[in-house]
């Protein structure tokens, strides 16, 4: 027997196994080939997920200065059927229940407590660059898994949609112990490729398959020119039905170039281009915020904690 420590998550195929062993008198080596054709799944590091508990969530709320409060009012989530009273009016009468009980019955609703949270993961070209030894996509997946775990602890229903130029996978929002395992299985073999992300196709699909109003967390990256109009129009179209949190992962290399001190003409050109890209990016984020979209523009190392904090604030 032997052990292997994988460095990258994904699905790895072993088509065959080769075995070498000594002859009985140890005079020569014999070699055998066994066609096994086995696929081994390597999952992301999930040790941080085991620390998530209701106590941890309350501590995070306290650190953020967020106080849980009892929400009153009429919501859209069905609660129960009760006998009609003069204060109920006529708009909520359940006619089937009325006919069954031979007296006026009314449907009672409550403010929604269990929310759908859809995490959109961009797996296109820009998410393949490495930051801190792992890709931006890996940073995004780590944030998505921890967010999913916190959602389940909060009795919300997390789901996932991964996309590049096509929709790769969609896991509908769900609850229960099995949802975390389903999220792990849906995300473990995602890989970034050289395709350009189609925001229009992905977000239109999300708006089609997820009809219920949800919190949509988009983890992506973009550059001016690639995304401009398509990105803005797609995100704004999605925000008509859903509450959108748009999270852009910055490139530390571009930030370093924009803040560098030029030592010659080529470095001056480099600095000007980097600053121009950063200014265009800032305008896109500002436009989205002005239209009611929540935005975060973060270094990949900040994504997990900041997205988690913003989710807790929005949930309240």
C-alpha atoms as a PDB file:
ATOM      1  CA  UNK A   1       0.000   0.000   0.000  1.00  0.00           C
ATOM      2  CA  UNK A   2       1.050   3.600  -0.509  1.00  0.00           C
ATOM      3  CA  UNK A   3      -0.384   7.061   0.080  1.00  0.00           C
ATOM      4  CA  UNK A   4      -0.553  10.114  -2.159  1.00  0.00           C
ATOM      5  CA  UNK A   5      -1.120  13.728  -1.171  1.00  0.00           C
ATOM      6  CA  UNK A   6      -2.770  15.571  -4.075  1.00  0.00           C
ATOM      7  CA  UNK A   7      -1.890  19.234  -4.563  1.00  0.00           C
ATOM      8  CA  UNK A   8      -4.835  20.200  -6.781  1.00  0.00           C
ATOM      9  CA  UNK A   9      -8.500  19.330  -6.564  1.00  0.00           C
ATOM     10  CA  UNK A  10     -10.244  17.677  -9.497  1.00  0.00           C
ATOM     11  CA  UNK A  11     -11.116  14.304 -11.006  1.00  0.00           C
ATOM     12  CA  UNK A  12      -8.049  12.210 -11.843  1.00  0.00           C
ATOM     13  CA  UNK A  13      -8.199   9.120 -14.035  1.00  0.00           C
ATOM     14  CA  UNK A  14      -5.951   6.109 -13.493  1.00  0.00           C
ATOM     15  CA  UNK A  15      -6.319   3.918 -16.610  1.00  0.00           C
ATOM     16  CA  UNK A  16      -3.950   1.211 -15.349  1.00  0.00           C
ATOM     17  CA  UNK A  17      -1.667   0.144 -12.516  1.00  0.00           C
ATOM     18  CA  UNK A  18       1.848  -1.233 -13.003  1.00  0.00           C
ATOM     19  CA  UNK A  19       3.311  -3.529 -10.370  1.00  0.00           C
ATOM     20  CA  UNK A  20       6.964  -4.563 -10.088  1.00  0.00           C
ATOM     21  CA  UNK A  21       8.000  -7.325  -7.729  1.00  0.00           C
ATOM     22  CA  UNK A  22      11.068  -9.454  -7.069  1.00  0.00           C
ATOM     23  CA  UNK A  23      11.279 -13.079  -8.066  1.00  0.00           C
ATOM     24  CA  UNK A  24      11.232 -15.587  -5.164  1.00  0.00           C
ATOM     25  CA  UNK A  25      15.053 -15.715  -5.103  1.00  0.00           C
ATOM     26  CA  UNK A  26      15.328 -11.963  -5.695  1.00  0.00           C
ATOM     27  CA  UNK A  27      17.326 -12.526  -8.866  1.00  0.00           C
ATOM     28  CA  UNK A  28      15.187 -10.426 -11.169  1.00  0.00           C
ATOM     29  CA  UNK A  29      12.184  -8.099 -11.202  1.00  0.00           C
ATOM     30  CA  UNK A  30       8.879  -9.076 -12.724  1.00  0.00           C
ATOM     31  CA  UNK A  31       6.437  -6.501 -14.045  1.00  0.00           C
ATOM     32  CA  UNK A  32       2.652  -6.793 -14.293  1.00  0.00           C
ATOM     33  CA  UNK A  33       0.046  -4.457 -15.785  1.00  0.00           C
ATOM     34  CA  UNK A  34      -3.515  -4.291 -14.432  1.00  0.00           C
ATOM     35  CA  UNK A  35      -6.144  -2.270 -16.386  1.00  0.00           C
ATOM     36  CA  UNK A  36      -8.242  -0.730 -13.605  1.00  0.00           C
ATOM     37  CA  UNK A  37      -9.573   2.454 -15.270  1.00  0.00           C
ATOM     38  CA  UNK A  38     -10.461   4.193 -12.001  1.00  0.00           C
ATOM     39  CA  UNK A  39     -11.336   7.840 -11.395  1.00  0.00           C
ATOM     40  CA  UNK A  40     -10.357   9.402  -8.083  1.00  0.00           C
ATOM     41  CA  UNK A  41     -12.084  12.583  -6.880  1.00  0.00           C
ATOM     42  CA  UNK A  42      -9.900  15.110  -5.051  1.00  0.00           C
ATOM     43  CA  UNK A  43     -12.014  17.565  -3.077  1.00  0.00           C
ATOM     44  CA  UNK A  44     -11.108  21.073  -1.842  1.00  0.00           C
ATOM     45  CA  UNK A  45      -9.710  21.488   1.644  1.00  0.00           C
ATOM     46  CA  UNK A  46     -12.849  21.536   3.800  1.00  0.00           C
ATOM     47  CA  UNK A  47     -11.293  21.686   7.265  1.00  0.00           C
ATOM     48  CA  UNK A  48     -12.521  25.274   7.717  1.00  0.00           C
ATOM     49  CA  UNK A  49     -16.102  24.134   7.142  1.00  0.00           C
ATOM     50  CA  UNK A  50     -16.111  21.982  10.284  1.00  0.00           C
ATOM     51  CA  UNK A  51     -15.618  25.093  12.461  1.00  0.00           C
ATOM     52  CA  UNK A  52     -18.876  26.690  11.314  1.00  0.00           C
ATOM     53  CA  UNK A  53     -21.529  26.518  14.040  1.00  0.00           C
ATOM     54  CA  UNK A  54     -24.426  28.664  15.317  1.00  0.00           C
ATOM     55  CA  UNK A  55     -22.074  29.972  18.015  1.00  0.00           C
ATOM     56  CA  UNK A  56     -19.569  31.097  15.377  1.00  0.00           C
ATOM     57  CA  UNK A  57     -22.354  32.807  13.395  1.00  0.00           C
ATOM     58  CA  UNK A  58     -23.508  34.735  16.476  1.00  0.00           C
ATOM     59  CA  UNK A  59     -19.895  35.780  17.110  1.00  0.00           C
ATOM     60  CA  UNK A  60     -19.582  37.061  13.527  1.00  0.00           C
ATOM     61  CA  UNK A  61     -22.835  39.012  13.907  1.00  0.00           C
ATOM     62  CA  UNK A  62     -21.463  40.554  17.088  1.00  0.00           C
ATOM     63  CA  UNK A  63     -18.155  41.505  15.440  1.00  0.00           C
ATOM     64  CA  UNK A  64     -20.020  43.149  12.557  1.00  0.00           C
ATOM     65  CA  UNK A  65     -22.250  45.098  14.954  1.00  0.00           C
ATOM     66  CA  UNK A  66     -25.363  43.413  13.544  1.00  0.00           C
ATOM     67  CA  UNK A  67     -28.215  42.716  15.950  1.00  0.00           C
ATOM     68  CA  UNK A  68     -30.820  40.109  15.115  1.00  0.00           C
ATOM     69  CA  UNK A  69     -34.330  41.498  15.348  1.00  0.00           C
ATOM     70  CA  UNK A  70     -37.842  40.124  15.156  1.00  0.00           C
ATOM     71  CA  UNK A  71     -39.350  41.143  11.819  1.00  0.00           C
ATOM     72  CA  UNK A  72     -43.041  41.915  11.694  1.00  0.00           C
ATOM     73  CA  UNK A  73     -45.396  42.319   8.784  1.00  0.00           C
ATOM     74  CA  UNK A  74     -47.040  40.281   6.055  1.00  0.00           C
ATOM     75  CA  UNK A  75     -44.752  38.197   3.898  1.00  0.00           C
ATOM     76  CA  UNK A  76     -45.154  35.835   0.984  1.00  0.00           C
ATOM     77  CA  UNK A  77     -44.311  32.514   2.696  1.00  0.00           C
ATOM     78  CA  UNK A  78     -47.361  30.396   3.584  1.00  0.00           C
ATOM     79  CA  UNK A  79     -47.734  29.714   7.299  1.00  0.00           C
ATOM     80  CA  UNK A  80     -51.153  28.186   8.057  1.00  0.00           C
ATOM     81  CA  UNK A  81     -54.903  28.353   7.401  1.00  0.00           C
ATOM     82  CA  UNK A  82     -57.114  29.866  10.085  1.00  0.00           C
ATOM     83  CA  UNK A  83     -60.694  30.930  10.559  1.00  0.00           C
ATOM     84  CA  UNK A  84     -61.572  34.275   8.992  1.00  0.00           C
ATOM     85  CA  UNK A  85     -61.946  37.320  11.247  1.00  0.00           C
ATOM     86  CA  UNK A  86     -63.239  40.808  10.315  1.00  0.00           C
ATOM     87  CA  UNK A  87     -59.679  42.182  10.432  1.00  0.00           C
ATOM     88  CA  UNK A  88     -58.455  39.752   7.740  1.00  0.00           C
ATOM     89  CA  UNK A  89     -60.352  41.300   4.831  1.00  0.00           C
ATOM     90  CA  UNK A  90     -61.256  39.237   1.775  1.00  0.00           C
ATOM     91  CA  UNK A  91     -58.023  39.065  -0.252  1.00  0.00           C
ATOM     92  CA  UNK A  92     -56.598  36.039   1.604  1.00  0.00           C
ATOM     93  CA  UNK A  93     -59.666  33.774   1.671  1.00  0.00           C
ATOM     94  CA  UNK A  94     -58.932  30.140   0.770  1.00  0.00           C
ATOM     95  CA  UNK A  95     -62.076  29.057  -1.059  1.00  0.00           C
ATOM     96  CA  UNK A  96     -61.284  25.341  -1.028  1.00  0.00           C
ATOM     97  CA  UNK A  97     -60.773  25.362   2.737  1.00  0.00           C
ATOM     98  CA  UNK A  98     -63.914  27.495   3.102  1.00  0.00           C
ATOM     99  CA  UNK A  99     -65.985  24.918   1.197  1.00  0.00           C
ATOM    100  CA  UNK A 100     -64.461  22.078   3.210  1.00  0.00           C
ATOM    101  CA  UNK A 101     -65.171  23.645   6.612  1.00  0.00           C
ATOM    102  CA  UNK A 102     -68.442  25.396   5.628  1.00  0.00           C
ATOM    103  CA  UNK A 103     -67.177  28.672   7.087  1.00  0.00           C
ATOM    104  CA  UNK A 104     -64.785  31.382   5.858  1.00  0.00           C
ATOM    105  CA  UNK A 105     -61.125  30.322   6.121  1.00  0.00           C
ATOM    106  CA  UNK A 106     -58.135  32.533   5.314  1.00  0.00           C
ATOM    107  CA  UNK A 107     -54.512  31.779   4.433  1.00  0.00           C
ATOM    108  CA  UNK A 108     -51.971  33.277   6.828  1.00  0.00           C
ATOM    109  CA  UNK A 109     -48.524  34.285   5.567  1.00  0.00           C
ATOM    110  CA  UNK A 110     -45.286  35.157   7.277  1.00  0.00           C
ATOM    111  CA  UNK A 111     -42.124  37.034   6.380  1.00  0.00           C
ATOM    112  CA  UNK A 112     -39.677  34.714   4.621  1.00  0.00           C
ATOM    113  CA  UNK A 113     -37.041  33.210   6.905  1.00  0.00           C
ATOM    114  CA  UNK A 114     -35.447  30.548   4.712  1.00  0.00           C
ATOM    115  CA  UNK A 115     -33.892  32.255   1.726  1.00  0.00           C
ATOM    116  CA  UNK A 116     -32.459  30.857  -1.491  1.00  0.00           C
ATOM    117  CA  UNK A 117     -28.816  31.807  -2.084  1.00  0.00           C
ATOM    118  CA  UNK A 118     -27.387  31.070  -5.544  1.00  0.00           C
ATOM    119  CA  UNK A 119     -23.587  31.288  -5.870  1.00  0.00           C
ATOM    120  CA  UNK A 120     -22.458  32.012  -9.424  1.00  0.00           C
ATOM    121  CA  UNK A 121     -18.887  30.928 -10.222  1.00  0.00           C
ATOM    122  CA  UNK A 122     -17.092  32.235 -13.299  1.00  0.00           C
ATOM    123  CA  UNK A 123     -14.638  29.607 -14.628  1.00  0.00           C
ATOM    124  CA  UNK A 124     -13.470  31.601 -17.664  1.00  0.00           C
ATOM    125  CA  UNK A 125      -9.992  32.680 -18.733  1.00  0.00           C
ATOM    126  CA  UNK A 126      -9.388  35.414 -16.153  1.00  0.00           C
ATOM    127  CA  UNK A 127     -10.156  33.106 -13.227  1.00  0.00           C
ATOM    128  CA  UNK A 128      -7.232  30.821 -14.137  1.00  0.00           C
ATOM    129  CA  UNK A 129      -4.432  33.174 -13.054  1.00  0.00           C
ATOM    130  CA  UNK A 130      -2.619  32.091  -9.895  1.00  0.00           C
ATOM    131  CA  UNK A 131      -2.530  34.226  -6.757  1.00  0.00           C
ATOM    132  CA  UNK A 132      -0.804  32.958  -3.632  1.00  0.00           C
ATOM    133  CA  UNK A 133      -0.102  29.555  -5.158  1.00  0.00           C
ATOM    134  CA  UNK A 134      -3.690  28.799  -6.197  1.00  0.00           C
ATOM    135  CA  UNK A 135      -5.947  30.116  -8.951  1.00  0.00           C
ATOM    136  CA  UNK A 136      -8.592  32.801  -8.539  1.00  0.00           C
ATOM    137  CA  UNK A 137     -11.122  30.054  -9.221  1.00  0.00           C
ATOM    138  CA  UNK A 138      -9.832  28.115  -6.204  1.00  0.00           C
ATOM    139  CA  UNK A 139     -10.176  31.225  -4.040  1.00  0.00           C
ATOM    140  CA  UNK A 140     -13.741  31.593  -5.327  1.00  0.00           C
ATOM    141  CA  UNK A 141     -14.568  27.925  -4.682  1.00  0.00           C
ATOM    142  CA  UNK A 142     -13.245  28.147  -1.114  1.00  0.00           C
ATOM    143  CA  UNK A 143     -15.442  31.210  -0.539  1.00  0.00           C
ATOM    144  CA  UNK A 144     -18.455  29.483  -2.116  1.00  0.00           C
ATOM    145  CA  UNK A 145     -18.121  26.388   0.072  1.00  0.00           C
ATOM    146  CA  UNK A 146     -17.766  28.351   3.301  1.00  0.00           C
ATOM    147  CA  UNK A 147     -20.672  30.600   2.307  1.00  0.00           C
ATOM    148  CA  UNK A 148     -22.758  27.520   1.543  1.00  0.00           C
ATOM    149  CA  UNK A 149     -21.974  26.060   4.957  1.00  0.00           C
ATOM    150  CA  UNK A 150     -22.901  29.299   6.740  1.00  0.00           C
ATOM    151  CA  UNK A 151     -26.148  29.465   4.735  1.00  0.00           C
ATOM    152  CA  UNK A 152     -27.099  25.970   5.906  1.00  0.00           C
ATOM    153  CA  UNK A 153     -26.367  26.868   9.534  1.00  0.00           C
ATOM    154  CA  UNK A 154     -28.638  29.916   9.073  1.00  0.00           C
ATOM    155  CA  UNK A 155     -31.408  27.670   7.653  1.00  0.00           C
ATOM    156  CA  UNK A 156     -31.002  29.208   4.186  1.00  0.00           C
ATOM    157  CA  UNK A 157     -30.829  27.130   0.992  1.00  0.00           C
ATOM    158  CA  UNK A 158     -27.558  27.476  -0.980  1.00  0.00           C
ATOM    159  CA  UNK A 159     -27.147  26.486  -4.622  1.00  0.00           C
ATOM    160  CA  UNK A 160     -24.435  26.828  -7.275  1.00  0.00           C
ATOM    161  CA  UNK A 161     -24.228  27.799 -10.941  1.00  0.00           C
ATOM    162  CA  UNK A 162     -20.821  27.538 -12.692  1.00  0.00           C
ATOM    163  CA  UNK A 163     -20.277  29.068 -16.113  1.00  0.00           C
ATOM    164  CA  UNK A 164     -17.793  30.268 -18.711  1.00  0.00           C
ATOM    165  CA  UNK A 165     -18.943  30.571 -22.326  1.00  0.00           C
ATOM    166  CA  UNK A 166     -21.474  27.854 -21.458  1.00  0.00           C
ATOM    167  CA  UNK A 167     -23.304  26.911 -18.268  1.00  0.00           C
ATOM    168  CA  UNK A 168     -21.234  24.063 -16.820  1.00  0.00           C
ATOM    169  CA  UNK A 169     -23.285  22.992 -13.852  1.00  0.00           C
ATOM    170  CA  UNK A 170     -26.330  24.076 -11.871  1.00  0.00           C
ATOM    171  CA  UNK A 171     -27.199  22.797  -8.413  1.00  0.00           C
ATOM    172  CA  UNK A 172     -30.577  24.088  -7.339  1.00  0.00           C
ATOM    173  CA  UNK A 173     -30.839  25.610  -3.848  1.00  0.00           C
ATOM    174  CA  UNK A 174     -31.526  23.018  -1.191  1.00  0.00           C
ATOM    175  CA  UNK A 175     -31.278  22.328   2.511  1.00  0.00           C
ATOM    176  CA  UNK A 176     -30.447  19.389   4.721  1.00  0.00           C
ATOM    177  CA  UNK A 177     -27.258  17.521   5.479  1.00  0.00           C
ATOM    178  CA  UNK A 178     -26.827  16.266   1.941  1.00  0.00           C
ATOM    179  CA  UNK A 179     -26.664  19.722   0.322  1.00  0.00           C
ATOM    180  CA  UNK A 180     -23.095  20.376   1.464  1.00  0.00           C
ATOM    181  CA  UNK A 181     -21.981  17.061  -0.022  1.00  0.00           C
ATOM    182  CA  UNK A 182     -23.794  17.891  -3.275  1.00  0.00           C
ATOM    183  CA  UNK A 183     -22.011  21.262  -3.416  1.00  0.00           C
ATOM    184  CA  UNK A 184     -18.624  19.601  -2.912  1.00  0.00           C
ATOM    185  CA  UNK A 185     -19.341  17.124  -5.683  1.00  0.00           C
ATOM    186  CA  UNK A 186     -20.522  19.894  -8.040  1.00  0.00           C
ATOM    187  CA  UNK A 187     -17.429  22.065  -7.478  1.00  0.00           C
ATOM    188  CA  UNK A 188     -14.532  19.651  -6.983  1.00  0.00           C
ATOM    189  CA  UNK A 189     -13.686  19.162 -10.673  1.00  0.00           C
ATOM    190  CA  UNK A 190     -14.318  22.685 -12.001  1.00  0.00           C
ATOM    191  CA  UNK A 191     -11.398  24.005 -14.046  1.00  0.00           C
ATOM    192  CA  UNK A 192     -10.673  27.334 -15.662  1.00  0.00           C
ATOM    193  CA  UNK A 193     -10.084  27.295 -19.430  1.00  0.00           C
ATOM    194  CA  UNK A 194      -9.213  29.821 -22.127  1.00  0.00           C
ATOM    195  CA  UNK A 195     -12.812  30.641 -23.068  1.00  0.00           C
ATOM    196  CA  UNK A 196     -14.258  34.131 -22.658  1.00  0.00           C
ATOM    197  CA  UNK A 197     -17.069  34.316 -20.139  1.00  0.00           C
ATOM    198  CA  UNK A 198     -20.570  34.838 -21.558  1.00  0.00           C
ATOM    199  CA  UNK A 199     -22.328  36.784 -18.814  1.00  0.00           C
ATOM    200  CA  UNK A 200     -25.450  37.202 -20.921  1.00  0.00           C
ATOM    201  CA  UNK A 201     -25.961  33.458 -21.409  1.00  0.00           C
ATOM    202  CA  UNK A 202     -25.088  32.524 -17.822  1.00  0.00           C
ATOM    203  CA  UNK A 203     -27.224  35.124 -16.073  1.00  0.00           C
ATOM    204  CA  UNK A 204     -30.150  34.593 -18.425  1.00  0.00           C
ATOM    205  CA  UNK A 205     -30.004  30.892 -17.552  1.00  0.00           C
ATOM    206  CA  UNK A 206     -29.864  31.740 -13.849  1.00  0.00           C
ATOM    207  CA  UNK A 207     -32.884  34.013 -14.131  1.00  0.00           C
ATOM    208  CA  UNK A 208     -34.749  31.262 -15.998  1.00  0.00           C
ATOM    209  CA  UNK A 209     -34.014  28.291 -13.736  1.00  0.00           C
ATOM    210  CA  UNK A 210     -34.228  30.268 -10.472  1.00  0.00           C
ATOM    211  CA  UNK A 211     -37.610  31.955 -10.585  1.00  0.00           C
ATOM    212  CA  UNK A 212     -37.905  32.530  -6.846  1.00  0.00           C
ATOM    213  CA  UNK A 213     -36.381  35.782  -5.599  1.00  0.00           C
ATOM    214  CA  UNK A 214     -32.954  34.950  -4.195  1.00  0.00           C
ATOM    215  CA  UNK A 215     -29.645  36.390  -3.100  1.00  0.00           C
ATOM    216  CA  UNK A 216     -27.313  35.839  -6.068  1.00  0.00           C
ATOM    217  CA  UNK A 217     -23.576  36.035  -5.266  1.00  0.00           C
ATOM    218  CA  UNK A 218     -21.466  36.363  -8.442  1.00  0.00           C
ATOM    219  CA  UNK A 219     -17.762  35.544  -8.064  1.00  0.00           C
ATOM    220  CA  UNK A 220     -15.963  36.665 -11.208  1.00  0.00           C
ATOM    221  CA  UNK A 221     -13.385  38.958 -12.775  1.00  0.00           C
ATOM    222  CA  UNK A 222     -13.487  41.220 -15.807  1.00  0.00           C
ATOM    223  CA  UNK A 223     -11.481  43.733 -17.797  1.00  0.00           C
ATOM    224  CA  UNK A 224     -12.760  46.818 -19.591  1.00  0.00           C
ATOM    225  CA  UNK A 225     -13.822  46.036 -23.137  1.00  0.00           C
ATOM    226  CA  UNK A 226     -14.475  42.334 -22.557  1.00  0.00           C
ATOM    227  CA  UNK A 227     -17.329  42.841 -20.142  1.00  0.00           C
ATOM    228  CA  UNK A 228     -18.570  46.400 -20.416  1.00  0.00           C
ATOM    229  CA  UNK A 229     -22.051  46.517 -21.888  1.00  0.00           C
ATOM    230  CA  UNK A 230     -22.775  42.774 -21.778  1.00  0.00           C
ATOM    231  CA  UNK A 231     -21.769  42.474 -18.142  1.00  0.00           C
ATOM    232  CA  UNK A 232     -23.631  45.571 -17.007  1.00  0.00           C
ATOM    233  CA  UNK A 233     -26.847  44.806 -18.864  1.00  0.00           C
ATOM    234  CA  UNK A 234     -26.835  41.156 -17.755  1.00  0.00           C
ATOM    235  CA  UNK A 235     -26.275  41.968 -14.074  1.00  0.00           C
ATOM    236  CA  UNK A 236     -28.874  44.754 -14.111  1.00  0.00           C
ATOM    237  CA  UNK A 237     -31.362  42.418 -15.801  1.00  0.00           C
ATOM    238  CA  UNK A 238     -30.764  39.819 -13.092  1.00  0.00           C
ATOM    239  CA  UNK A 239     -31.207  42.425 -10.340  1.00  0.00           C
ATOM    240  CA  UNK A 240     -34.800  43.115 -11.439  1.00  0.00           C
ATOM    241  CA  UNK A 241     -35.864  39.840  -9.850  1.00  0.00           C
ATOM    242  CA  UNK A 242     -33.031  38.979  -7.438  1.00  0.00           C
ATOM    243  CA  UNK A 243     -30.817  40.697  -4.897  1.00  0.00           C
ATOM    244  CA  UNK A 244     -27.354  40.634  -6.485  1.00  0.00           C
ATOM    245  CA  UNK A 245     -23.957  40.741  -4.781  1.00  0.00           C
ATOM    246  CA  UNK A 246     -21.315  41.221  -7.499  1.00  0.00           C
ATOM    247  CA  UNK A 247     -17.834  40.190  -6.299  1.00  0.00           C
ATOM    248  CA  UNK A 248     -14.850  40.963  -8.558  1.00  0.00           C
ATOM    249  CA  UNK A 249     -11.459  39.387  -7.830  1.00  0.00           C
ATOM    250  CA  UNK A 250      -8.634  41.827  -8.479  1.00  0.00           C
ATOM    251  CA  UNK A 251      -5.254  40.969  -9.998  1.00  0.00           C
ATOM    252  CA  UNK A 252      -2.428  41.868  -7.546  1.00  0.00           C
ATOM    253  CA  UNK A 253       0.029  42.082 -10.448  1.00  0.00           C
ATOM    254  CA  UNK A 254      -1.990  44.865 -12.116  1.00  0.00           C
ATOM    255  CA  UNK A 255      -2.315  46.701  -8.797  1.00  0.00           C
ATOM    256  CA  UNK A 256       1.437  46.477  -8.323  1.00  0.00           C
ATOM    257  CA  UNK A 257       2.050  47.931 -11.796  1.00  0.00           C
ATOM    258  CA  UNK A 258      -0.444  50.761 -11.239  1.00  0.00           C
ATOM    259  CA  UNK A 259       1.271  51.759  -7.966  1.00  0.00           C
ATOM    260  CA  UNK A 260       4.872  51.291  -9.141  1.00  0.00           C
ATOM    261  CA  UNK A 261       7.427  54.109  -9.537  1.00  0.00           C
ATOM    262  CA  UNK A 262       8.519  54.248 -13.209  1.00  0.00           C
ATOM    263  CA  UNK A 263      12.242  53.929 -13.900  1.00  0.00           C
ATOM    264  CA  UNK A 264      12.089  54.392 -17.664  1.00  0.00           C
ATOM    265  CA  UNK A 265       9.823  54.989 -20.619  1.00  0.00           C
ATOM    266  CA  UNK A 266       8.517  51.367 -20.922  1.00  0.00           C
ATOM    267  CA  UNK A 267       7.551  51.316 -17.235  1.00  0.00           C
ATOM    268  CA  UNK A 268       5.731  54.651 -17.694  1.00  0.00           C
ATOM    269  CA  UNK A 269       3.613  53.077 -20.473  1.00  0.00           C
ATOM    270  CA  UNK A 270       2.965  50.054 -18.257  1.00  0.00           C
ATOM    271  CA  UNK A 271       1.855  52.228 -15.337  1.00  0.00           C
ATOM    272  CA  UNK A 272      -0.466  54.330 -17.521  1.00  0.00           C
ATOM    273  CA  UNK A 273      -2.154  51.246 -19.002  1.00  0.00           C
ATOM    274  CA  UNK A 274      -2.581  49.635 -15.553  1.00  0.00           C
ATOM    275  CA  UNK A 275      -4.060  52.825 -14.104  1.00  0.00           C
ATOM    276  CA  UNK A 276      -6.420  53.109 -17.088  1.00  0.00           C
ATOM    277  CA  UNK A 277      -7.665  49.561 -16.563  1.00  0.00           C
ATOM    278  CA  UNK A 278      -8.203  50.260 -12.879  1.00  0.00           C
ATOM    279  CA  UNK A 279     -10.150  53.462 -13.606  1.00  0.00           C
ATOM    280  CA  UNK A 280     -12.385  51.671 -16.129  1.00  0.00           C
ATOM    281  CA  UNK A 281     -13.006  48.921 -13.590  1.00  0.00           C
ATOM    282  CA  UNK A 282     -13.936  51.484 -10.937  1.00  0.00           C
ATOM    283  CA  UNK A 283     -16.486  53.095 -13.289  1.00  0.00           C
ATOM    284  CA  UNK A 284     -18.176  49.753 -13.991  1.00  0.00           C
ATOM    285  CA  UNK A 285     -18.436  48.976 -10.258  1.00  0.00           C
ATOM    286  CA  UNK A 286     -19.740  52.466  -9.509  1.00  0.00           C
ATOM    287  CA  UNK A 287     -22.404  52.173 -12.217  1.00  0.00           C
ATOM    288  CA  UNK A 288     -23.594  48.830 -10.836  1.00  0.00           C
ATOM    289  CA  UNK A 289     -23.797  50.287  -7.309  1.00  0.00           C
ATOM    290  CA  UNK A 290     -25.791  53.279  -8.559  1.00  0.00           C
ATOM    291  CA  UNK A 291     -28.374  50.836 -10.017  1.00  0.00           C
ATOM    292  CA  UNK A 292     -28.885  48.979  -6.736  1.00  0.00           C
ATOM    293  CA  UNK A 293     -26.385  46.136  -7.150  1.00  0.00           C
ATOM    294  CA  UNK A 294     -24.204  45.357  -4.130  1.00  0.00           C
ATOM    295  CA  UNK A 295     -20.541  45.165  -5.151  1.00  0.00           C
ATOM    296  CA  UNK A 296     -17.189  44.109  -3.735  1.00  0.00           C
ATOM    297  CA  UNK A 297     -13.834  44.595  -5.510  1.00  0.00           C
ATOM    298  CA  UNK A 298     -11.345  42.486  -3.584  1.00  0.00           C
ATOM    299  CA  UNK A 299      -7.970  40.831  -3.597  1.00  0.00           C
ATOM    300  CA  UNK A 300      -8.448  37.035  -3.858  1.00  0.00           C
ATOM    301  CA  UNK A 301      -7.105  36.506  -0.333  1.00  0.00           C
ATOM    302  CA  UNK A 302      -9.866  38.760   1.070  1.00  0.00           C
ATOM    303  CA  UNK A 303     -12.785  37.149  -0.729  1.00  0.00           C
ATOM    304  CA  UNK A 304     -13.846  34.465   1.751  1.00  0.00           C
ATOM    305  CA  UNK A 305     -14.094  36.693   4.834  1.00  0.00           C
ATOM    306  CA  UNK A 306     -15.547  39.759   3.107  1.00  0.00           C
ATOM    307  CA  UNK A 307     -18.210  37.821   1.194  1.00  0.00           C
ATOM    308  CA  UNK A 308     -19.237  36.041   4.383  1.00  0.00           C
ATOM    309  CA  UNK A 309     -19.529  39.347   6.246  1.00  0.00           C
ATOM    310  CA  UNK A 310     -21.602  40.952   3.488  1.00  0.00           C
ATOM    311  CA  UNK A 311     -23.949  37.947   3.345  1.00  0.00           C
ATOM    312  CA  UNK A 312     -24.616  38.223   7.079  1.00  0.00           C
ATOM    313  CA  UNK A 313     -25.300  41.955   6.762  1.00  0.00           C
ATOM    314  CA  UNK A 314     -27.637  41.513   3.790  1.00  0.00           C
ATOM    315  CA  UNK A 315     -29.478  38.700   5.489  1.00  0.00           C
ATOM    316  CA  UNK A 316     -30.441  41.002   8.331  1.00  0.00           C
END
